[in-house]
Amino acid sequence: MSSAVQELEDTLRDFTRQLEETNAKLEVEPDNGGLVELKAELESGIATFQGLLDEEKARAPAPKPPSPPPVKEKWSKENHPAFKKAAPPPADDEPAAPVAYKVNDVVLAKWKSGDKGFYPAKILSITGSSTSPTYHIKFTQYPETETLAAHEIKPISIDSKKRKADGAPVTPTMPVAPAPSGVISAAADINPALASQVKKEPSKVSDGPPKPAKIPRKVKANKELETNKNKWQQFSASGKGMKKKDSMFRTGSSVTARVGFTGSGQEMRKDPTRSRHIYQAAEDEE
């Protein structure tokens, strides 16, 4: 919206408000000629400004329609599976290094005389060479013993340890009641004497010096105040109606007035006239 349109709208709104106020006054004073003329002028002004406002709005350019939202692409080259790079093949697992067992190690041993399965066992002794050792083991859960080669035993994996830990029954822990403390809380007991002493004496460096005792104010009694008030009122009342006498030492306002007691002094002196001295040559000859 342009500034001209805004200004015309404000003026039109002001004229309309004035017309409403004039109509309200005319209801009270319908015979008031000034209000009738003002109403006619306001109506004419409203019509004029309304026409100007319509012309200004027609001259103003129409607002541009909002641009349509961008069309989303059906497919993109980056997200298309044909243009995606193939994932590199996983690296081949390196051959596991031979595990060197020691006596008292817990391993998974093959039960050759039984179901050929692997069960936890403990190494009792190791015989043979380092390249082809022979292990004498005893199962931890059974009393049987076996003599096995290196390929017939294997280390206990982390997963099996986790499964073993998961399978173990969990004993619920009972909540432990807090041990009774030796402190017994009770209501605070304040000694008034100590409290007043703490207020007067500083307990810390930051408390500062002790506060001085308050000095009671001296207030005059009401009786004394009333007495002074009555004396002042009596003094004020005694001065009313008294005429001021002329002083015997007053100097008269006349030019021939005399200065002194009852006119016995000398006359008042006149101020000497101040004139400029004119130098003449005859004064030097004399």
C-alpha atoms as a PDB file:
ATOM      1  CA  MET A   1       0.000   0.000   0.000  1.00  0.00           C
ATOM      2  CA  SER A   2       1.433   3.410  -1.078  1.00  0.00           C
ATOM      3  CA  SER A   3       1.821   6.371   1.236  1.00  0.00           C
ATOM      4  CA  ALA A   4      -0.790   8.403  -0.710  1.00  0.00           C
ATOM      5  CA  VAL A   5      -3.441   5.728  -0.215  1.00  0.00           C
ATOM      6  CA  GLN A   6      -2.601   5.511   3.476  1.00  0.00           C
ATOM      7  CA  GLU A   7      -2.863   9.299   3.875  1.00  0.00           C
ATOM      8  CA  LEU A   8      -6.222   9.441   2.070  1.00  0.00           C
ATOM      9  CA  GLU A   9      -7.591   6.652   4.237  1.00  0.00           C
ATOM     10  CA  ASP A  10      -6.506   8.456   7.420  1.00  0.00           C
ATOM     11  CA  THR A  11      -8.139  11.716   6.273  1.00  0.00           C
ATOM     12  CA  LEU A  12     -11.342   9.932   5.296  1.00  0.00           C
ATOM     13  CA  ARG A  13     -11.433   8.192   8.683  1.00  0.00           C
ATOM     14  CA  ASP A  14     -10.980  11.537  10.460  1.00  0.00           C
ATOM     15  CA  PHE A  15     -13.812  13.173   8.480  1.00  0.00           C
ATOM     16  CA  THR A  16     -16.116  10.254   9.217  1.00  0.00           C
ATOM     17  CA  ARG A  17     -15.425  10.534  12.944  1.00  0.00           C
ATOM     18  CA  GLN A  18     -16.147  14.281  12.900  1.00  0.00           C
ATOM     19  CA  LEU A  19     -19.400  13.675  11.004  1.00  0.00           C
ATOM     20  CA  GLU A  20     -20.537  11.172  13.653  1.00  0.00           C
ATOM     21  CA  GLU A  21     -19.818  13.686  16.417  1.00  0.00           C
ATOM     22  CA  THR A  22     -21.697  16.429  14.524  1.00  0.00           C
ATOM     23  CA  ASN A  23     -24.743  14.195  14.056  1.00  0.00           C
ATOM     24  CA  ALA A  24     -24.741  13.446  17.783  1.00  0.00           C
ATOM     25  CA  LYS A  25     -24.691  17.185  18.585  1.00  0.00           C
ATOM     26  CA  LEU A  26     -27.482  17.892  16.066  1.00  0.00           C
ATOM     27  CA  GLU A  27     -29.727  15.454  17.891  1.00  0.00           C
ATOM     28  CA  VAL A  28     -29.404  17.671  20.962  1.00  0.00           C
ATOM     29  CA  GLU A  29     -29.493  21.032  19.073  1.00  0.00           C
ATOM     30  CA  PRO A  30     -31.324  20.475  15.773  1.00  0.00           C
ATOM     31  CA  ASP A  31     -31.744  24.255  15.175  1.00  0.00           C
ATOM     32  CA  ASN A  32     -28.024  25.054  15.392  1.00  0.00           C
ATOM     33  CA  GLY A  33     -27.103  26.589  12.014  1.00  0.00           C
ATOM     34  CA  GLY A  34     -23.352  26.194  12.516  1.00  0.00           C
ATOM     35  CA  LEU A  35     -23.666  22.464  13.073  1.00  0.00           C
ATOM     36  CA  VAL A  36     -25.847  22.108   9.960  1.00  0.00           C
ATOM     37  CA  GLU A  37     -23.235  23.885   7.809  1.00  0.00           C
ATOM     38  CA  LEU A  38     -20.434  21.795   9.332  1.00  0.00           C
ATOM     39  CA  LYS A  39     -22.331  18.613   8.553  1.00  0.00           C
ATOM     40  CA  ALA A  40     -22.752  19.635   4.906  1.00  0.00           C
ATOM     41  CA  GLU A  41     -19.039  20.447   4.587  1.00  0.00           C
ATOM     42  CA  LEU A  42     -18.030  17.150   6.161  1.00  0.00           C
ATOM     43  CA  GLU A  43     -20.285  15.147   3.852  1.00  0.00           C
ATOM     44  CA  SER A  44     -18.882  16.984   0.832  1.00  0.00           C
ATOM     45  CA  GLY A  45     -15.318  16.367   2.006  1.00  0.00           C
ATOM     46  CA  ILE A  46     -15.995  12.666   2.588  1.00  0.00           C
ATOM     47  CA  ALA A  47     -17.370  12.312  -0.944  1.00  0.00           C
ATOM     48  CA  THR A  48     -14.359  14.123  -2.420  1.00  0.00           C
ATOM     49  CA  PHE A  49     -11.757  12.093  -0.523  1.00  0.00           C
ATOM     50  CA  GLN A  50     -13.576   8.845  -1.273  1.00  0.00           C
ATOM     51  CA  GLY A  51     -13.350   9.601  -5.014  1.00  0.00           C
ATOM     52  CA  LEU A  52      -9.647  10.406  -4.737  1.00  0.00           C
ATOM     53  CA  LEU A  53      -9.055   7.206  -2.796  1.00  0.00           C
ATOM     54  CA  ASP A  54     -10.803   5.108  -5.443  1.00  0.00           C
ATOM     55  CA  GLU A  55      -8.729   6.715  -8.202  1.00  0.00           C
ATOM     56  CA  GLU A  56      -5.496   6.146  -6.288  1.00  0.00           C
ATOM     57  CA  LYS A  57      -6.323   2.496  -5.672  1.00  0.00           C
ATOM     58  CA  ALA A  58      -7.175   1.968  -9.361  1.00  0.00           C
ATOM     59  CA  ARG A  59      -3.880   3.581 -10.389  1.00  0.00           C
ATOM     60  CA  ALA A  60      -1.837   1.387  -8.044  1.00  0.00           C
ATOM     61  CA  PRO A  61      -0.355  -1.772  -9.692  1.00  0.00           C
ATOM     62  CA  ALA A  62      -2.041  -5.040  -8.857  1.00  0.00           C
ATOM     63  CA  PRO A  63      -0.071  -7.256  -6.450  1.00  0.00           C
ATOM     64  CA  LYS A  64       1.881 -10.046  -8.083  1.00  0.00           C
ATOM     65  CA  PRO A  65       0.540 -13.537  -7.485  1.00  0.00           C
ATOM     66  CA  PRO A  66       2.762 -15.694  -5.288  1.00  0.00           C
ATOM     67  CA  SER A  67       5.225 -17.824  -7.198  1.00  0.00           C
ATOM     68  CA  PRO A  68       4.315 -21.513  -7.323  1.00  0.00           C
ATOM     69  CA  PRO A  69       6.375 -23.838  -5.157  1.00  0.00           C
ATOM     70  CA  PRO A  70       9.275 -25.532  -6.930  1.00  0.00           C
ATOM     71  CA  VAL A  71       8.429 -28.863  -8.514  1.00  0.00           C
ATOM     72  CA  LYS A  72      10.121 -31.710  -6.755  1.00  0.00           C
ATOM     73  CA  GLU A  73      12.167 -33.894  -9.095  1.00  0.00           C
ATOM     74  CA  LYS A  74      10.939 -37.404  -9.512  1.00  0.00           C
ATOM     75  CA  TRP A  75      14.465 -38.734  -9.327  1.00  0.00           C
ATOM     76  CA  SER A  76      17.952 -37.393  -8.917  1.00  0.00           C
ATOM     77  CA  LYS A  77      21.210 -38.687 -10.232  1.00  0.00           C
ATOM     78  CA  GLU A  78      22.724 -38.726  -6.766  1.00  0.00           C
ATOM     79  CA  ASN A  79      19.960 -40.913  -5.279  1.00  0.00           C
ATOM     80  CA  HIS A  80      19.511 -43.232  -8.262  1.00  0.00           C
ATOM     81  CA  PRO A  81      20.826 -46.731  -7.485  1.00  0.00           C
ATOM     82  CA  ALA A  82      22.368 -47.046 -10.954  1.00  0.00           C
ATOM     83  CA  PHE A  83      24.743 -44.143 -10.299  1.00  0.00           C
ATOM     84  CA  LYS A  84      25.632 -45.112  -6.756  1.00  0.00           C
ATOM     85  CA  LYS A  85      29.074 -46.523  -6.193  1.00  0.00           C
ATOM     86  CA  ALA A  86      29.146 -50.165  -5.322  1.00  0.00           C
ATOM     87  CA  ALA A  87      30.265 -50.911  -1.808  1.00  0.00           C
ATOM     88  CA  PRO A  88      33.751 -52.412  -1.658  1.00  0.00           C
ATOM     89  CA  PRO A  89      33.786 -56.142  -0.982  1.00  0.00           C
ATOM     90  CA  PRO A  90      34.591 -57.062   2.602  1.00  0.00           C
ATOM     91  CA  ALA A  91      38.204 -57.902   3.207  1.00  0.00           C
ATOM     92  CA  ASP A  92      39.001 -61.553   3.638  1.00  0.00           C
ATOM     93  CA  ASP A  93      39.510 -62.584   7.192  1.00  0.00           C
ATOM     94  CA  GLU A  94      43.127 -63.150   7.960  1.00  0.00           C
ATOM     95  CA  PRO A  95      43.982 -66.638   9.144  1.00  0.00           C
ATOM     96  CA  ALA A  96      43.828 -66.795  12.896  1.00  0.00           C
ATOM     97  CA  ALA A  97      47.152 -67.189  14.600  1.00  0.00           C
ATOM     98  CA  PRO A  98      47.607 -70.399  16.594  1.00  0.00           C
ATOM     99  CA  VAL A  99      46.620 -69.984  20.220  1.00  0.00           C
ATOM    100  CA  ALA A 100      49.167 -70.955  22.838  1.00  0.00           C
ATOM    101  CA  TYR A 101      47.465 -72.462  25.892  1.00  0.00           C
ATOM    102  CA  LYS A 102      48.916 -72.799  29.345  1.00  0.00           C
ATOM    103  CA  VAL A 103      48.250 -75.050  32.283  1.00  0.00           C
ATOM    104  CA  ASN A 104      45.085 -74.140  34.278  1.00  0.00           C
ATOM    105  CA  ASP A 105      43.566 -72.333  31.259  1.00  0.00           C
ATOM    106  CA  VAL A 106      39.826 -72.893  30.784  1.00  0.00           C
ATOM    107  CA  VAL A 107      38.967 -73.888  27.201  1.00  0.00           C
ATOM    108  CA  LEU A 108      36.280 -75.671  25.210  1.00  0.00           C
ATOM    109  CA  ALA A 109      37.351 -79.294  24.851  1.00  0.00           C
ATOM    110  CA  LYS A 110      35.874 -82.065  22.702  1.00  0.00           C
ATOM    111  CA  TRP A 111      34.225 -84.944  24.516  1.00  0.00           C
ATOM    112  CA  LYS A 112      35.571 -87.767  22.322  1.00  0.00           C
ATOM    113  CA  SER A 113      34.222 -90.599  24.442  1.00  0.00           C
ATOM    114  CA  GLY A 114      30.788 -89.012  24.567  1.00  0.00           C
ATOM    115  CA  ASP A 115      28.627 -87.001  22.139  1.00  0.00           C
ATOM    116  CA  LYS A 116      31.640 -85.339  20.421  1.00  0.00           C
ATOM    117  CA  GLY A 117      30.508 -81.913  21.664  1.00  0.00           C
ATOM    118  CA  PHE A 118      32.613 -79.136  23.112  1.00  0.00           C
ATOM    119  CA  TYR A 119      32.315 -78.362  26.830  1.00  0.00           C
ATOM    120  CA  PRO A 120      34.252 -76.154  29.267  1.00  0.00           C
ATOM    121  CA  ALA A 121      37.362 -77.890  30.554  1.00  0.00           C
ATOM    122  CA  LYS A 122      40.529 -77.063  32.452  1.00  0.00           C
ATOM    123  CA  ILE A 123      44.015 -77.931  31.129  1.00  0.00           C
ATOM    124  CA  LEU A 124      45.824 -80.159  33.617  1.00  0.00           C
ATOM    125  CA  SER A 125      49.103 -80.662  31.720  1.00  0.00           C
ATOM    126  CA  ILE A 126      50.677 -80.197  28.277  1.00  0.00           C
ATOM    127  CA  THR A 127      52.923 -82.791  26.616  1.00  0.00           C
ATOM    128  CA  GLY A 128      54.428 -83.253  23.152  1.00  0.00           C
ATOM    129  CA  SER A 129      56.275 -80.682  21.047  1.00  0.00           C
ATOM    130  CA  SER A 130      55.445 -77.027  20.556  1.00  0.00           C
ATOM    131  CA  THR A 131      54.222 -77.689  16.987  1.00  0.00           C
ATOM    132  CA  SER A 132      52.078 -80.695  17.961  1.00  0.00           C
ATOM    133  CA  PRO A 133      51.164 -80.435  21.653  1.00  0.00           C
ATOM    134  CA  THR A 134      48.919 -82.871  23.521  1.00  0.00           C
ATOM    135  CA  TYR A 135      46.590 -81.530  26.207  1.00  0.00           C
ATOM    136  CA  HIS A 136      45.325 -83.435  29.227  1.00  0.00           C
ATOM    137  CA  ILE A 137      42.062 -81.785  30.316  1.00  0.00           C
ATOM    138  CA  LYS A 138      39.294 -82.288  32.835  1.00  0.00           C
ATOM    139  CA  PHE A 139      35.749 -81.079  32.262  1.00  0.00           C
ATOM    140  CA  THR A 140      34.624 -78.504  34.776  1.00  0.00           C
ATOM    141  CA  GLN A 141      31.021 -79.751  34.900  1.00  0.00           C
ATOM    142  CA  TYR A 142      31.761 -83.496  34.695  1.00  0.00           C
ATOM    143  CA  PRO A 143      34.328 -85.793  36.338  1.00  0.00           C
ATOM    144  CA  GLU A 144      35.598 -87.199  32.973  1.00  0.00           C
ATOM    145  CA  THR A 145      39.108 -86.459  31.645  1.00  0.00           C
ATOM    146  CA  GLU A 146      40.397 -86.549  28.056  1.00  0.00           C
ATOM    147  CA  THR A 147      43.702 -86.439  26.184  1.00  0.00           C
ATOM    148  CA  LEU A 148      43.219 -84.226  23.137  1.00  0.00           C
ATOM    149  CA  ALA A 149      45.214 -82.766  20.265  1.00  0.00           C
ATOM    150  CA  ALA A 150      45.476 -79.063  19.481  1.00  0.00           C
ATOM    151  CA  HIS A 151      42.610 -79.109  16.933  1.00  0.00           C
ATOM    152  CA  GLU A 152      40.260 -80.702  19.473  1.00  0.00           C
ATOM    153  CA  ILE A 153      40.245 -77.749  21.856  1.00  0.00           C
ATOM    154  CA  LYS A 154      39.429 -74.100  21.239  1.00  0.00           C
ATOM    155  CA  PRO A 155      39.342 -70.939  23.336  1.00  0.00           C
ATOM    156  CA  ILE A 156      36.145 -69.819  24.999  1.00  0.00           C
ATOM    157  CA  SER A 157      34.721 -66.988  22.871  1.00  0.00           C
ATOM    158  CA  ILE A 158      33.388 -63.750  24.305  1.00  0.00           C
ATOM    159  CA  ASP A 159      29.873 -64.615  23.098  1.00  0.00           C
ATOM    160  CA  SER A 160      29.869 -67.842  25.084  1.00  0.00           C
ATOM    161  CA  LYS A 161      31.013 -65.951  28.148  1.00  0.00           C
ATOM    162  CA  LYS A 162      28.168 -63.502  27.612  1.00  0.00           C
ATOM    163  CA  ARG A 163      25.643 -66.299  27.210  1.00  0.00           C
ATOM    164  CA  LYS A 164      26.968 -67.930  30.345  1.00  0.00           C
ATOM    165  CA  ALA A 165      26.653 -64.651  32.232  1.00  0.00           C
ATOM    166  CA  ASP A 166      23.166 -64.074  30.835  1.00  0.00           C
ATOM    167  CA  GLY A 167      22.042 -67.561  31.801  1.00  0.00           C
ATOM    168  CA  ALA A 168      23.193 -67.199  35.386  1.00  0.00           C
ATOM    169  CA  PRO A 169      20.318 -66.541  37.773  1.00  0.00           C
ATOM    170  CA  VAL A 170      20.181 -63.016  39.011  1.00  0.00           C
ATOM    171  CA  THR A 171      19.744 -62.684  42.737  1.00  0.00           C
ATOM    172  CA  PRO A 172      17.532 -59.719  43.540  1.00  0.00           C
ATOM    173  CA  THR A 173      19.273 -57.243  45.748  1.00  0.00           C
ATOM    174  CA  MET A 174      17.344 -56.244  48.801  1.00  0.00           C
ATOM    175  CA  PRO A 175      17.287 -52.538  49.614  1.00  0.00           C
ATOM    176  CA  VAL A 176      19.639 -51.782  52.446  1.00  0.00           C
ATOM    177  CA  ALA A 177      18.159 -49.618  55.132  1.00  0.00           C
ATOM    178  CA  PRO A 178      20.333 -46.618  56.001  1.00  0.00           C
ATOM    179  CA  ALA A 179      22.274 -46.978  59.203  1.00  0.00           C
ATOM    180  CA  PRO A 180      20.876 -44.860  62.001  1.00  0.00           C
ATOM    181  CA  SER A 181      23.005 -41.817  62.542  1.00  0.00           C
ATOM    182  CA  GLY A 182      23.991 -40.538  65.942  1.00  0.00           C
ATOM    183  CA  VAL A 183      22.496 -37.076  65.307  1.00  0.00           C
ATOM    184  CA  ILE A 184      19.007 -36.438  66.668  1.00  0.00           C
ATOM    185  CA  SER A 185      17.325 -33.360  65.253  1.00  0.00           C
ATOM    186  CA  ALA A 186      15.180 -31.224  67.527  1.00  0.00           C
ATOM    187  CA  ALA A 187      13.653 -27.786  67.599  1.00  0.00           C
ATOM    188  CA  ALA A 188      16.121 -24.909  67.874  1.00  0.00           C
ATOM    189  CA  ASP A 189      16.552 -23.493  71.368  1.00  0.00           C
ATOM    190  CA  ILE A 190      17.592 -19.819  71.336  1.00  0.00           C
ATOM    191  CA  ASN A 191      18.957 -18.107  74.405  1.00  0.00           C
ATOM    192  CA  PRO A 192      17.715 -14.479  74.370  1.00  0.00           C
ATOM    193  CA  ALA A 193      20.720 -13.257  76.370  1.00  0.00           C
ATOM    194  CA  LEU A 194      23.188 -14.760  73.880  1.00  0.00           C
ATOM    195  CA  ALA A 195      21.177 -13.435  70.943  1.00  0.00           C
ATOM    196  CA  SER A 196      21.308  -9.871  72.270  1.00  0.00           C
ATOM    197  CA  GLN A 197      25.043 -10.258  72.966  1.00  0.00           C
ATOM    198  CA  VAL A 198      25.655 -11.388  69.377  1.00  0.00           C
ATOM    199  CA  LYS A 199      23.854  -8.304  68.084  1.00  0.00           C
ATOM    200  CA  LYS A 200      26.028  -5.994  70.206  1.00  0.00           C
ATOM    201  CA  GLU A 201      29.379  -7.742  69.709  1.00  0.00           C
ATOM    202  CA  PRO A 202      30.731  -8.619  66.219  1.00  0.00           C
ATOM    203  CA  SER A 203      31.218 -12.349  65.776  1.00  0.00           C
ATOM    204  CA  LYS A 204      33.130 -12.068  62.499  1.00  0.00           C
ATOM    205  CA  VAL A 205      35.445  -9.592  60.846  1.00  0.00           C
ATOM    206  CA  SER A 206      32.797  -8.758  58.251  1.00  0.00           C
ATOM    207  CA  ASP A 207      30.255  -7.835  60.933  1.00  0.00           C
ATOM    208  CA  GLY A 208      32.056  -4.554  61.690  1.00  0.00           C
ATOM    209  CA  PRO A 209      32.142  -2.609  64.958  1.00  0.00           C
ATOM    210  CA  PRO A 210      29.319  -2.957  67.468  1.00  0.00           C
ATOM    211  CA  LYS A 211      26.333  -0.693  66.948  1.00  0.00           C
ATOM    212  CA  PRO A 212      26.048   2.153  69.498  1.00  0.00           C
ATOM    213  CA  ALA A 213      22.983   2.274  71.687  1.00  0.00           C
ATOM    214  CA  LYS A 214      20.197   4.530  70.493  1.00  0.00           C
ATOM    215  CA  ILE A 215      19.937   7.881  72.322  1.00  0.00           C
ATOM    216  CA  PRO A 216      16.348   8.618  73.327  1.00  0.00           C
ATOM    217  CA  ARG A 217      14.982  11.847  71.907  1.00  0.00           C
ATOM    218  CA  LYS A 218      14.055  14.656  74.299  1.00  0.00           C
ATOM    219  CA  VAL A 219      10.455  15.652  73.705  1.00  0.00           C
ATOM    220  CA  LYS A 220       8.977  18.647  75.500  1.00  0.00           C
ATOM    221  CA  ALA A 221       5.927  18.086  77.579  1.00  0.00           C
ATOM    222  CA  ASN A 222       2.604  19.136  76.142  1.00  0.00           C
ATOM    223  CA  LYS A 223       2.003  21.457  79.082  1.00  0.00           C
ATOM    224  CA  GLU A 224       5.146  23.470  78.369  1.00  0.00           C
ATOM    225  CA  LEU A 225       4.254  23.748  74.690  1.00  0.00           C
ATOM    226  CA  GLU A 226       0.792  25.022  75.536  1.00  0.00           C
ATOM    227  CA  THR A 227       2.248  27.656  77.921  1.00  0.00           C
ATOM    228  CA  ASN A 228       4.596  29.034  75.252  1.00  0.00           C
ATOM    229  CA  LYS A 229       1.768  29.084  72.748  1.00  0.00           C
ATOM    230  CA  ASN A 230      -0.476  31.109  75.084  1.00  0.00           C
ATOM    231  CA  LYS A 231       2.299  33.638  75.801  1.00  0.00           C
ATOM    232  CA  TRP A 232       2.828  34.237  72.090  1.00  0.00           C
ATOM    233  CA  GLN A 233      -0.896  34.693  71.487  1.00  0.00           C
ATOM    234  CA  GLN A 234      -1.123  37.221  74.338  1.00  0.00           C
ATOM    235  CA  PHE A 235       1.826  39.177  72.925  1.00  0.00           C
ATOM    236  CA  SER A 236       0.284  39.257  69.455  1.00  0.00           C
ATOM    237  CA  ALA A 237      -3.088  40.397  70.804  1.00  0.00           C
ATOM    238  CA  SER A 238      -1.557  43.210  72.875  1.00  0.00           C
ATOM    239  CA  GLY A 239      -0.044  44.854  69.770  1.00  0.00           C
ATOM    240  CA  LYS A 240      -3.370  45.205  67.945  1.00  0.00           C
ATOM    241  CA  GLY A 241      -5.014  48.675  67.936  1.00  0.00           C
ATOM    242  CA  MET A 242      -1.860  50.525  69.102  1.00  0.00           C
ATOM    243  CA  LYS A 243      -0.842  53.592  67.111  1.00  0.00           C
ATOM    244  CA  LYS A 244       2.741  54.123  66.108  1.00  0.00           C
ATOM    245  CA  LYS A 245       4.121  57.364  67.607  1.00  0.00           C
ATOM    246  CA  ASP A 246       6.479  59.747  65.846  1.00  0.00           C
ATOM    247  CA  SER A 247      10.015  59.753  67.152  1.00  0.00           C
ATOM    248  CA  MET A 248      11.268  62.974  68.738  1.00  0.00           C
ATOM    249  CA  PHE A 249      14.516  62.572  66.828  1.00  0.00           C
ATOM    250  CA  ARG A 250      12.848  62.326  63.437  1.00  0.00           C
ATOM    251  CA  THR A 251      14.120  64.830  60.847  1.00  0.00           C
ATOM    252  CA  GLY A 252      11.463  66.860  59.065  1.00  0.00           C
ATOM    253  CA  SER A 253      10.886  66.628  55.353  1.00  0.00           C
ATOM    254  CA  SER A 254      11.001  70.431  54.822  1.00  0.00           C
ATOM    255  CA  VAL A 255      14.095  72.204  53.469  1.00  0.00           C
ATOM    256  CA  THR A 256      14.153  74.529  56.484  1.00  0.00           C
ATOM    257  CA  ALA A 257      13.780  71.696  58.986  1.00  0.00           C
ATOM    258  CA  ARG A 258      16.313  71.569  61.783  1.00  0.00           C
ATOM    259  CA  VAL A 259      18.273  68.584  62.985  1.00  0.00           C
ATOM    260  CA  GLY A 260      18.202  67.912  66.699  1.00  0.00           C
ATOM    261  CA  PHE A 261      15.910  67.584  69.693  1.00  0.00           C
ATOM    262  CA  THR A 262      12.578  69.428  69.206  1.00  0.00           C
ATOM    263  CA  GLY A 263      13.936  71.543  66.330  1.00  0.00           C
ATOM    264  CA  SER A 264      16.714  73.298  68.259  1.00  0.00           C
ATOM    265  CA  GLY A 265      19.537  72.295  65.979  1.00  0.00           C
ATOM    266  CA  GLN A 266      20.980  73.798  62.820  1.00  0.00           C
ATOM    267  CA  GLU A 267      19.243  73.839  59.522  1.00  0.00           C
ATOM    268  CA  MET A 268      19.882  71.065  57.089  1.00  0.00           C
ATOM    269  CA  ARG A 269      22.740  71.880  54.786  1.00  0.00           C
ATOM    270  CA  LYS A 270      22.307  71.857  51.080  1.00  0.00           C
ATOM    271  CA  ASP A 271      24.613  69.772  48.962  1.00  0.00           C
ATOM    272  CA  PRO A 272      27.268  71.971  47.274  1.00  0.00           C
ATOM    273  CA  THR A 273      26.827  72.310  43.548  1.00  0.00           C
ATOM    274  CA  ARG A 274      29.510  70.581  41.545  1.00  0.00           C
ATOM    275  CA  SER A 275      30.755  72.663  38.586  1.00  0.00           C
ATOM    276  CA  ARG A 276      33.693  72.419  36.255  1.00  0.00           C
ATOM    277  CA  HIS A 277      36.505  74.914  36.829  1.00  0.00           C
ATOM    278  CA  ILE A 278      37.374  76.949  33.718  1.00  0.00           C
ATOM    279  CA  TYR A 279      40.992  78.032  33.595  1.00  0.00           C
ATOM    280  CA  GLN A 280      41.612  81.683  32.501  1.00  0.00           C
ATOM    281  CA  ALA A 281      44.873  83.482  31.612  1.00  0.00           C
ATOM    282  CA  ALA A 282      44.174  86.410  33.953  1.00  0.00           C
ATOM    283  CA  GLU A 283      44.685  84.169  36.972  1.00  0.00           C
ATOM    284  CA  ASP A 284      48.358  83.556  36.025  1.00  0.00           C
ATOM    285  CA  GLU A 285      49.112  87.291  35.670  1.00  0.00           C
ATOM    286  CA  GLU A 286      47.907  87.995  39.166  1.00  0.00           C
END
